[in-house]
Amino acid sequence: MGKFNERELRMRKERIDAFGDGSVQVVISRPERRALSYREQLPSLVQQLATVEPSRLCGNKDCGNEVRSIDNCVVIFFGTPPAMVTSILCPSCSEKRNEEILPIVREDVRQTFGLGKASADQGSVELDDGRHRSVAQRTVHGVTIHVVEADKYDCGPAKAFCELLQRGMLKRFLFAYQGKHNCFAIVKQIQFDFGDVELADYIKCRAGYCPIITSNGQPLGHHAWVECNGWAIDAASGGLGQSVIFQRIDDYVAMRQLTDIVDYDQYAKMRGGEAGTLTT
């Protein structure tokens, strides 16, 4: 038990708050003493670097050196597993101190995911898309919260979601949302985040089938979303500039023409896969 606690304590000490607001945790793993955190990911990383073409570039955008091995290289892990992303510095940049590496990490995160310090509450702006009235309540970390067919401020789940974003409590969601366009992966990260802050009982993760034809001429197909206190939360369109949609569940189901609706984990088992690995 003592050794286990010592290992856990060391792993916690390895985490660095990149922006000072809890939104992004990073681990700087140096070649002379590899960090315990994420150590099991190193072999696959070595294999990946040996086969990738063209060669991976140094994580320092101002450098430009190629990286073909992690030998003598600093490996930077940021995010909370399983939403983990790595950056590798070349041997020259790896000689920098942590204080010099952190600005490089922050810029890498900003350029890749559009993240940074939590933005200020931009207030409530009424929108009209020609079909229904909606309210964009906040934009936090580049994520716009879009409430469909609601009076001002009456969507409690949207306000709570914004608050969690503002406090940096939806780290996994942020990485999945801004790095993936997979509703199942995004919903799974929301489930993880709400579990971490002991709010998992307040949401239900759901899945079903949507027959609506998309721009590629094919139906949207299998789809996942979150439900909370009478509201559906749809974060399917991950990516910078996209919105997280909040809509009354009945209206949402009718609009999406959703059928075969089941609990998320049940759906994953029916499909013969692990929850969070399915694609739309």
Protein backbone atom coordinates (compact mmCIF):
# COMPACT_ATOMS: atom_id res chain seq x y z
CA MET A 1 0.00 0.00 0.00
CA GLY A 2 2.86 2.35 0.86
CA LYS A 3 4.57 1.81 -2.51
CA PHE A 4 1.26 2.31 -4.32
CA ASN A 5 0.62 5.59 -2.54
CA GLU A 6 4.16 6.73 -3.27
CA ARG A 7 3.67 6.00 -6.97
CA GLU A 8 0.35 7.83 -7.06
CA LEU A 9 1.88 10.81 -5.26
CA ARG A 10 4.76 10.99 -7.73
CA MET A 11 2.36 10.83 -10.68
CA ARG A 12 0.31 13.68 -9.23
CA LYS A 13 3.44 15.78 -8.74
CA GLU A 14 4.33 15.20 -12.40
CA ARG A 15 1.22 17.06 -13.55
CA ILE A 16 1.66 20.73 -14.37
CA ASP A 17 -1.24 23.18 -14.70
CA ALA A 18 -0.32 24.67 -18.09
CA PHE A 19 -2.59 27.72 -18.00
CA GLY A 20 -3.09 28.13 -14.27
CA ASP A 21 -6.84 27.57 -14.51
CA GLY A 22 -7.02 23.77 -14.40
CA SER A 23 -8.11 23.47 -18.04
CA VAL A 24 -5.02 21.61 -19.32
CA GLN A 25 -2.75 19.35 -17.29
CA VAL A 26 0.62 18.46 -18.82
CA VAL A 27 3.35 15.97 -17.96
CA ILE A 28 6.90 16.69 -19.16
CA SER A 29 8.72 13.36 -19.49
CA ARG A 30 12.48 13.79 -19.75
CA PRO A 31 14.81 11.17 -21.28
CA GLU A 32 17.06 11.05 -18.21
CA ARG A 33 14.08 10.15 -16.01
CA ARG A 34 10.86 9.19 -17.73
CA ALA A 35 7.67 10.22 -15.97
CA LEU A 36 5.60 7.43 -14.46
CA SER A 37 2.48 8.94 -15.99
CA TYR A 38 1.74 7.57 -19.47
CA ARG A 39 4.84 5.35 -19.36
CA GLU A 40 2.87 2.50 -20.92
CA GLN A 41 2.26 4.67 -24.02
CA LEU A 42 5.97 5.03 -24.84
CA PRO A 43 6.48 1.72 -26.74
CA SER A 44 3.65 2.45 -29.16
CA LEU A 45 4.99 5.98 -29.59
CA VAL A 46 8.43 4.58 -30.51
CA GLN A 47 6.83 2.29 -33.09
CA GLN A 48 4.77 5.12 -34.53
CA LEU A 49 7.79 7.39 -34.97
CA ALA A 50 9.70 4.60 -36.74
CA THR A 51 7.05 4.28 -39.44
CA VAL A 52 5.53 7.74 -39.87
CA GLU A 53 6.19 9.56 -43.14
CA PRO A 54 6.93 12.38 -43.51
CA SER A 55 8.97 12.68 -40.35
CA ARG A 56 7.36 14.27 -37.33
CA LEU A 57 8.50 17.80 -36.59
CA CYS A 58 9.60 19.15 -33.23
CA GLY A 59 6.75 20.28 -31.00
CA ASN A 60 8.37 23.71 -30.88
CA LYS A 61 6.74 25.42 -33.88
CA ASP A 62 9.70 27.83 -34.11
CA CYS A 63 12.20 24.98 -34.45
CA GLY A 64 11.48 22.83 -37.52
CA ASN A 65 13.83 19.96 -36.64
CA GLU A 66 12.67 16.43 -37.46
CA VAL A 67 11.98 13.89 -34.72
CA ARG A 68 12.39 10.21 -35.57
CA SER A 69 13.00 8.82 -32.10
CA ILE A 70 12.25 9.69 -28.51
CA ASP A 71 15.87 9.05 -27.52
CA ASN A 72 17.26 12.21 -25.91
CA CYS A 73 13.86 13.85 -26.47
CA VAL A 74 11.36 15.38 -24.08
CA VAL A 75 7.91 13.84 -24.54
CA ILE A 76 5.01 16.02 -23.44
CA PHE A 77 1.67 14.48 -22.53
CA PHE A 78 -1.32 16.75 -22.11
CA GLY A 79 -4.92 15.98 -21.36
CA THR A 80 -6.59 13.45 -19.09
CA PRO A 81 -6.64 9.79 -20.22
CA PRO A 82 -8.14 8.53 -22.44
CA ALA A 83 -8.18 11.95 -24.17
CA MET A 84 -4.37 12.08 -24.28
CA VAL A 85 -2.28 13.96 -26.85
CA THR A 86 1.51 14.01 -27.12
CA SER A 87 4.07 16.50 -28.30
CA ILE A 88 7.76 15.67 -28.76
CA LEU A 89 10.66 18.11 -28.66
CA CYS A 90 13.85 17.53 -30.63
CA PRO A 91 17.08 16.83 -28.68
CA SER A 92 18.12 20.48 -28.94
CA CYS A 93 14.83 21.88 -27.60
CA SER A 94 14.74 19.12 -24.98
CA GLU A 95 17.65 20.82 -23.22
CA LYS A 96 15.31 23.65 -22.23
CA ARG A 97 14.09 23.98 -18.64
CA ASN A 98 10.43 23.36 -17.79
CA GLU A 99 9.89 27.11 -17.51
CA GLU A 100 11.05 27.46 -21.12
CA ILE A 101 9.05 24.47 -22.36
CA LEU A 102 5.68 25.54 -20.92
CA PRO A 103 5.27 28.52 -23.32
CA ILE A 104 5.89 26.08 -26.19
CA VAL A 105 3.23 23.74 -24.79
CA ARG A 106 0.70 26.55 -24.39
CA GLU A 107 1.18 27.66 -27.99
CA ASP A 108 0.89 24.05 -29.20
CA VAL A 109 -2.40 23.64 -27.34
CA ARG A 110 -3.75 26.96 -28.61
CA GLN A 111 -2.93 26.19 -32.25
CA THR A 112 -4.14 22.58 -32.12
CA PHE A 113 -7.27 22.93 -30.02
CA GLY A 114 -7.97 26.63 -29.72
CA LEU A 115 -7.68 26.43 -25.95
CA GLY A 116 -6.28 28.84 -23.43
CA LYS A 117 -7.44 30.58 -20.33
CA ALA A 118 -11.21 30.45 -19.93
CA SER A 119 -12.74 33.33 -21.84
CA ALA A 120 -14.98 35.78 -20.09
CA ASP A 121 -18.73 35.33 -20.19
CA GLN A 122 -19.77 37.00 -23.42
CA GLY A 123 -23.34 37.43 -22.24
CA SER A 124 -26.55 36.29 -23.91
CA VAL A 125 -27.21 36.93 -27.56
CA GLU A 126 -30.57 36.15 -29.14
CA LEU A 127 -30.33 34.45 -32.51
CA ASP A 128 -32.90 33.67 -35.19
CA ASP A 129 -32.01 31.12 -37.85
CA GLY A 130 -35.35 31.44 -39.64
CA ARG A 131 -36.79 28.24 -38.18
CA HIS A 132 -36.69 28.76 -34.43
CA ARG A 133 -35.49 31.25 -31.86
CA SER A 134 -32.47 30.34 -29.80
CA VAL A 135 -30.09 31.86 -27.28
CA ALA A 136 -26.29 31.58 -27.37
CA GLN A 137 -25.57 32.06 -23.69
CA ARG A 138 -21.81 31.84 -23.46
CA THR A 139 -18.66 31.09 -25.37
CA VAL A 140 -16.09 29.36 -23.17
CA HIS A 141 -12.81 27.88 -24.47
CA GLY A 142 -14.09 28.46 -27.99
CA VAL A 143 -17.28 26.43 -27.37
CA THR A 144 -20.58 28.20 -28.03
CA ILE A 145 -23.58 27.03 -26.01
CA HIS A 146 -26.66 27.19 -28.23
CA VAL A 147 -30.08 26.82 -26.57
CA VAL A 148 -32.91 26.02 -28.99
CA GLU A 149 -36.44 27.37 -28.57
CA ALA A 150 -36.01 28.64 -25.03
CA ASP A 151 -36.75 31.80 -23.14
CA LYS A 152 -33.74 33.62 -21.76
CA TYR A 153 -31.89 31.88 -18.94
CA ASP A 154 -34.46 29.08 -18.51
CA CYS A 155 -32.10 26.23 -19.44
CA GLY A 156 -30.48 25.10 -16.19
CA PRO A 157 -28.34 22.35 -17.80
CA ALA A 158 -26.85 24.88 -20.25
CA LYS A 159 -25.92 27.27 -17.45
CA ALA A 160 -24.43 24.39 -15.42
CA PHE A 161 -22.48 23.16 -18.45
CA CYS A 162 -21.06 26.65 -18.99
CA GLU A 163 -20.08 26.87 -15.34
CA LEU A 164 -18.23 23.56 -15.51
CA LEU A 165 -16.44 24.72 -18.66
CA GLN A 166 -15.51 28.00 -17.00
CA ARG A 167 -14.07 26.18 -14.00
CA GLY A 168 -12.03 23.81 -16.16
CA MET A 169 -14.00 20.73 -15.07
CA LEU A 170 -14.74 19.39 -18.57
CA LYS A 171 -11.15 18.73 -19.66
CA ARG A 172 -11.80 15.45 -21.45
CA PHE A 173 -14.79 16.88 -23.28
CA LEU A 174 -12.73 19.87 -24.47
CA PHE A 175 -10.06 17.66 -26.00
CA ALA A 176 -12.54 15.27 -27.60
CA TYR A 177 -14.80 18.06 -28.84
CA GLN A 178 -12.04 20.15 -30.39
CA GLY A 179 -10.07 17.18 -31.69
CA LYS A 180 -12.71 14.72 -32.92
CA HIS A 181 -15.90 14.69 -34.95
CA ASN A 182 -17.28 11.56 -33.32
CA CYS A 183 -20.42 11.91 -31.23
CA PHE A 184 -19.80 8.62 -29.42
CA ALA A 185 -16.28 9.60 -28.34
CA ILE A 186 -17.48 13.05 -27.27
CA VAL A 187 -20.40 11.68 -25.23
CA LYS A 188 -18.07 9.21 -23.50
CA GLN A 189 -15.74 12.03 -22.44
CA ILE A 190 -18.70 14.02 -21.05
CA GLN A 191 -19.65 10.91 -19.08
CA PHE A 192 -16.10 10.66 -17.70
CA ASP A 193 -15.98 14.37 -16.79
CA PHE A 194 -19.32 14.34 -14.98
CA GLY A 195 -18.22 11.21 -13.13
CA ASP A 196 -15.00 12.92 -12.03
CA VAL A 197 -16.98 15.73 -10.36
CA GLU A 198 -19.56 13.28 -8.94
CA LEU A 199 -22.38 14.51 -11.19
CA ALA A 200 -22.79 11.37 -13.31
CA ASP A 201 -26.21 10.63 -11.78
CA TYR A 202 -27.56 13.89 -13.22
CA ILE A 203 -27.09 12.88 -16.86
CA LYS A 204 -28.12 10.01 -19.10
CA CYS A 205 -26.08 9.10 -22.15
CA ARG A 206 -28.28 7.91 -25.00
CA ALA A 207 -27.90 6.48 -28.50
CA GLY A 208 -30.19 5.81 -31.41
CA TYR A 209 -30.59 5.95 -35.16
CA CYS A 210 -31.04 9.14 -37.21
CA PRO A 211 -32.29 8.70 -40.80
CA ILE A 212 -31.80 12.33 -41.84
CA ILE A 213 -29.75 12.62 -45.02
CA THR A 214 -26.50 14.59 -44.65
CA SER A 215 -24.53 16.57 -47.24
CA ASN A 216 -22.76 13.41 -48.47
CA GLY A 217 -26.08 11.87 -49.48
CA GLN A 218 -26.03 9.30 -46.69
CA PRO A 219 -28.18 9.15 -43.52
CA LEU A 220 -26.55 10.44 -40.35
CA GLY A 221 -26.95 6.92 -38.95
CA HIS A 222 -26.05 5.89 -35.43
CA HIS A 223 -25.94 8.88 -33.13
CA ALA A 224 -25.21 9.62 -29.45
CA TRP A 225 -26.21 12.48 -27.16
CA VAL A 226 -26.63 13.37 -23.46
CA GLU A 227 -29.85 14.06 -21.57
CA CYS A 228 -30.14 16.18 -18.44
CA ASN A 229 -33.25 17.38 -16.63
CA GLY A 230 -35.50 17.32 -19.68
CA TRP A 231 -32.90 18.67 -22.10
CA ALA A 232 -30.91 16.92 -24.84
CA ILE A 233 -27.27 17.96 -25.18
CA ASP A 234 -25.88 17.40 -28.68
CA ALA A 235 -22.13 17.84 -29.15
CA ALA A 236 -21.88 15.79 -32.35
CA SER A 237 -20.28 18.50 -34.49
CA GLY A 238 -16.97 18.70 -32.70
CA GLY A 239 -14.50 21.34 -33.82
CA LEU A 240 -13.64 24.99 -33.48
CA GLY A 241 -16.55 27.29 -34.21
CA GLN A 242 -19.18 24.59 -33.70
CA SER A 243 -21.91 24.79 -31.07
CA VAL A 244 -23.10 22.49 -28.33
CA ILE A 245 -26.87 22.32 -28.81
CA PHE A 246 -29.34 22.25 -25.90
CA GLN A 247 -32.95 21.40 -26.83
CA ARG A 248 -35.98 19.94 -25.07
CA ILE A 249 -35.76 16.16 -25.37
CA ASP A 250 -39.10 15.60 -27.11
CA ASP A 251 -38.40 18.34 -29.64
CA TYR A 252 -34.87 17.06 -30.19
CA VAL A 253 -35.99 13.47 -30.81
CA ALA A 254 -38.70 14.66 -33.21
CA MET A 255 -36.35 17.01 -35.08
CA ARG A 256 -33.69 14.31 -35.48
CA GLN A 257 -36.35 11.64 -36.24
CA LEU A 258 -34.52 9.40 -33.78
CA THR A 259 -35.54 5.74 -33.42
CA ASP A 260 -34.28 2.64 -31.56
CA ILE A 261 -33.26 4.81 -28.59
CA VAL A 262 -31.40 2.99 -25.80
CA ASP A 263 -28.88 3.78 -23.08
CA TYR A 264 -25.43 4.54 -24.47
CA ASP A 265 -23.58 1.64 -22.83
CA GLN A 266 -26.33 -0.79 -23.81
CA TYR A 267 -26.06 0.37 -27.40
CA ALA A 268 -22.29 -0.14 -27.39
CA LYS A 269 -22.72 -3.73 -26.22
CA MET A 270 -25.36 -4.34 -28.88
CA ARG A 271 -22.89 -3.14 -31.48
CA GLY A 272 -20.19 -5.41 -30.10
CA GLY A 273 -17.77 -2.67 -29.15
CA GLU A 274 -16.54 -0.69 -26.20
CA ALA A 275 -18.48 2.45 -25.39
CA GLY A 276 -16.61 5.42 -26.74
CA THR A 277 -15.01 3.62 -29.69
CA LEU A 278 -18.02 3.54 -31.99
CA THR A 279 -18.31 5.94 -34.86
CA THR A 280 -21.28 7.64 -36.41
